[in-house]
Amino acid sequence: PGMERRKLNTSRYSKKSDSITWKVELMFHSADGHVLKLESEMVESASLSGELSKHLDVHQNNRSFRSQLKEFVSAPRESLLLFMKRLPCSSSSPMYFKLDPSVSLESVLRGKTIIEYPVVEVVLEADKDKYPLFIGEL
């Protein structure tokens, strides 16, 4: 289990374009406690809002995911909040960074510790209190 994330990591650096393509895990947390994990490949210049649109807007290839994400599809986009766990942190009392979905992934990740690849928690506004913010974020 300790090496699992390393094996699953598909993030890579392109010398030619001098950029990183990240594997990003999107964890959609529904009100009933169900979590749906989607994995995406994102270039560092892309925004998280653009990535969410790939999964939540109507596209030919995402019908099965959309049906599992009904709460998120029907919610206004501005009511979806994105968090990333602060690392290192205690498993008994994790703290989170609130992410700005409109800026580039590179900007979102700048100054944060990442282990193998980023995991983004996608949460409905009604559930935001379950994700205590890191004191530097207040």
Protein backbone atom coordinates (compact mmCIF):
# COMPACT_ATOMS: atom_id res chain seq x y z
CA PRO A 1 0.00 0.00 0.00
CA GLY A 2 2.84 2.43 0.72
CA MET A 3 3.99 2.50 -2.91
CA GLU A 4 0.49 2.45 -4.43
CA ARG A 5 0.32 6.22 -5.12
CA ARG A 6 3.74 6.08 -6.73
CA LYS A 7 2.64 3.30 -9.09
CA LEU A 8 -0.56 5.18 -9.97
CA ASN A 9 1.18 8.49 -10.60
CA THR A 10 1.15 9.44 -14.27
CA SER A 11 2.29 13.05 -13.77
CA ARG A 12 5.14 13.92 -16.12
CA TYR A 13 7.39 16.75 -17.14
CA SER A 14 7.78 17.73 -20.80
CA LYS A 15 11.17 19.20 -21.55
CA LYS A 16 9.95 20.31 -24.97
CA SER A 17 7.12 22.47 -23.61
CA ASP A 18 8.78 23.07 -20.21
CA SER A 19 5.55 22.12 -18.45
CA ILE A 20 4.07 19.46 -16.22
CA THR A 21 1.04 17.36 -17.05
CA TRP A 22 -0.42 16.33 -13.72
CA LYS A 23 -2.50 13.36 -12.75
CA VAL A 24 -5.24 14.95 -10.63
CA GLU A 25 -7.72 13.02 -8.53
CA LEU A 26 -11.10 14.72 -8.23
CA MET A 27 -13.03 13.42 -5.22
CA PHE A 28 -16.72 14.36 -5.43
CA HIS A 29 -18.27 14.20 -1.93
CA SER A 30 -22.06 13.94 -2.02
CA ALA A 31 -24.35 14.89 0.87
CA ASP A 32 -25.13 11.22 1.60
CA GLY A 33 -21.43 10.50 2.20
CA HIS A 34 -20.82 8.82 -1.15
CA VAL A 35 -17.52 9.67 -2.79
CA LEU A 36 -16.88 9.34 -6.50
CA LYS A 37 -13.27 9.47 -7.62
CA LEU A 38 -12.41 10.70 -11.09
CA GLU A 39 -8.87 10.84 -12.42
CA SER A 40 -7.84 13.48 -14.89
CA GLU A 41 -4.72 14.47 -16.76
CA MET A 42 -4.27 18.24 -16.58
CA VAL A 43 -1.65 20.49 -18.06
CA GLU A 44 -0.45 22.96 -15.47
CA SER A 45 -1.79 25.93 -17.45
CA ALA A 46 -5.40 24.61 -17.28
CA SER A 47 -7.89 25.71 -14.63
CA LEU A 48 -9.82 23.46 -12.28
CA SER A 49 -13.07 25.09 -13.43
CA GLY A 50 -12.30 23.94 -16.97
CA GLU A 51 -11.61 20.44 -15.69
CA LEU A 52 -14.88 20.38 -13.74
CA SER A 53 -16.71 21.42 -16.90
CA LYS A 54 -15.35 18.34 -18.68
CA HIS A 55 -17.12 16.17 -16.12
CA LEU A 56 -20.23 18.20 -15.29
CA ASP A 57 -21.23 19.73 -18.63
CA VAL A 58 -22.90 17.60 -21.28
CA HIS A 59 -20.28 15.87 -23.43
CA GLN A 60 -20.50 12.73 -25.51
CA ASN A 61 -18.02 10.79 -23.36
CA ASN A 62 -19.20 11.64 -19.84
CA ARG A 63 -22.79 10.38 -19.67
CA SER A 64 -22.07 7.66 -17.09
CA PHE A 65 -20.14 10.03 -14.80
CA ARG A 66 -22.78 12.74 -15.07
CA SER A 67 -25.47 10.32 -13.95
CA GLN A 68 -23.44 9.58 -10.80
CA LEU A 69 -22.81 13.29 -10.15
CA LYS A 70 -26.43 14.51 -10.24
CA GLU A 71 -26.05 16.68 -7.11
CA PHE A 72 -23.03 18.43 -8.62
CA VAL A 73 -24.46 18.74 -12.13
CA SER A 74 -27.62 20.43 -10.85
CA ALA A 75 -25.84 22.73 -8.36
CA PRO A 76 -24.80 26.22 -9.47
CA ARG A 77 -21.07 26.13 -10.27
CA GLU A 78 -20.30 28.91 -7.80
CA SER A 79 -21.70 26.69 -5.00
CA LEU A 80 -19.10 23.99 -5.67
CA LEU A 81 -16.06 24.38 -3.46
CA LEU A 82 -12.64 22.88 -4.06
CA PHE A 83 -10.30 21.90 -1.26
CA MET A 84 -6.93 20.23 -1.02
CA LYS A 85 -5.64 18.63 2.16
CA ARG A 86 -2.66 20.39 3.72
CA LEU A 87 0.30 18.02 3.85
CA PRO A 88 1.69 16.89 6.17
CA CYS A 89 -1.33 16.74 8.47
CA SER A 90 -2.80 14.67 11.21
CA SER A 91 -5.28 12.07 9.96
CA SER A 92 -7.45 12.74 13.01
CA SER A 93 -7.74 16.49 12.34
CA PRO A 94 -6.88 17.32 8.71
CA MET A 95 -6.75 20.92 7.52
CA TYR A 96 -7.52 22.10 3.99
CA PHE A 97 -6.59 24.79 1.51
CA LYS A 98 -9.53 26.31 -0.35
CA LEU A 99 -8.67 26.38 -4.06
CA ASP A 100 -9.60 29.03 -6.60
CA PRO A 101 -11.04 27.13 -9.57
CA SER A 102 -10.53 30.03 -11.99
CA VAL A 103 -6.72 30.18 -11.87
CA SER A 104 -4.21 27.79 -13.44
CA LEU A 105 -3.36 24.51 -11.76
CA GLU A 106 0.21 25.77 -11.52
CA SER A 107 -0.96 28.76 -9.44
CA VAL A 108 -3.21 26.58 -7.28
CA LEU A 109 -0.36 24.20 -6.44
CA ARG A 110 2.36 26.82 -5.94
CA GLY A 111 3.80 26.64 -2.41
CA LYS A 112 1.86 23.51 -1.45
CA THR A 113 3.25 20.08 -0.63
CA ILE A 114 2.15 17.40 -3.10
CA ILE A 115 2.80 13.71 -2.59
CA GLU A 116 2.93 12.10 -6.05
CA TYR A 117 -0.16 13.94 -7.43
CA PRO A 118 -2.79 16.38 -6.16
CA VAL A 119 -6.12 15.24 -4.76
CA VAL A 120 -8.89 17.82 -5.05
CA GLU A 121 -11.98 17.48 -2.87
CA VAL A 122 -15.10 18.75 -4.69
CA VAL A 123 -17.74 19.69 -2.14
CA LEU A 124 -21.19 21.23 -2.14
CA GLU A 125 -21.35 24.54 -0.27
CA ALA A 126 -23.71 23.04 2.32
CA ASP A 127 -20.92 20.63 3.38
CA LYS A 128 -18.07 23.13 3.60
CA ASP A 129 -17.89 22.97 7.41
CA LYS A 130 -16.58 19.41 7.15
CA TYR A 131 -13.35 20.82 5.67
CA PRO A 132 -11.62 23.01 8.25
CA LEU A 133 -9.35 25.56 6.62
CA PHE A 134 -5.67 25.77 7.38
CA ILE A 135 -5.11 28.83 9.59
CA GLY A 136 -3.12 30.55 6.83
CA GLU A 137 -6.23 30.40 4.64
CA LEU A 138 -8.57 32.29 6.99
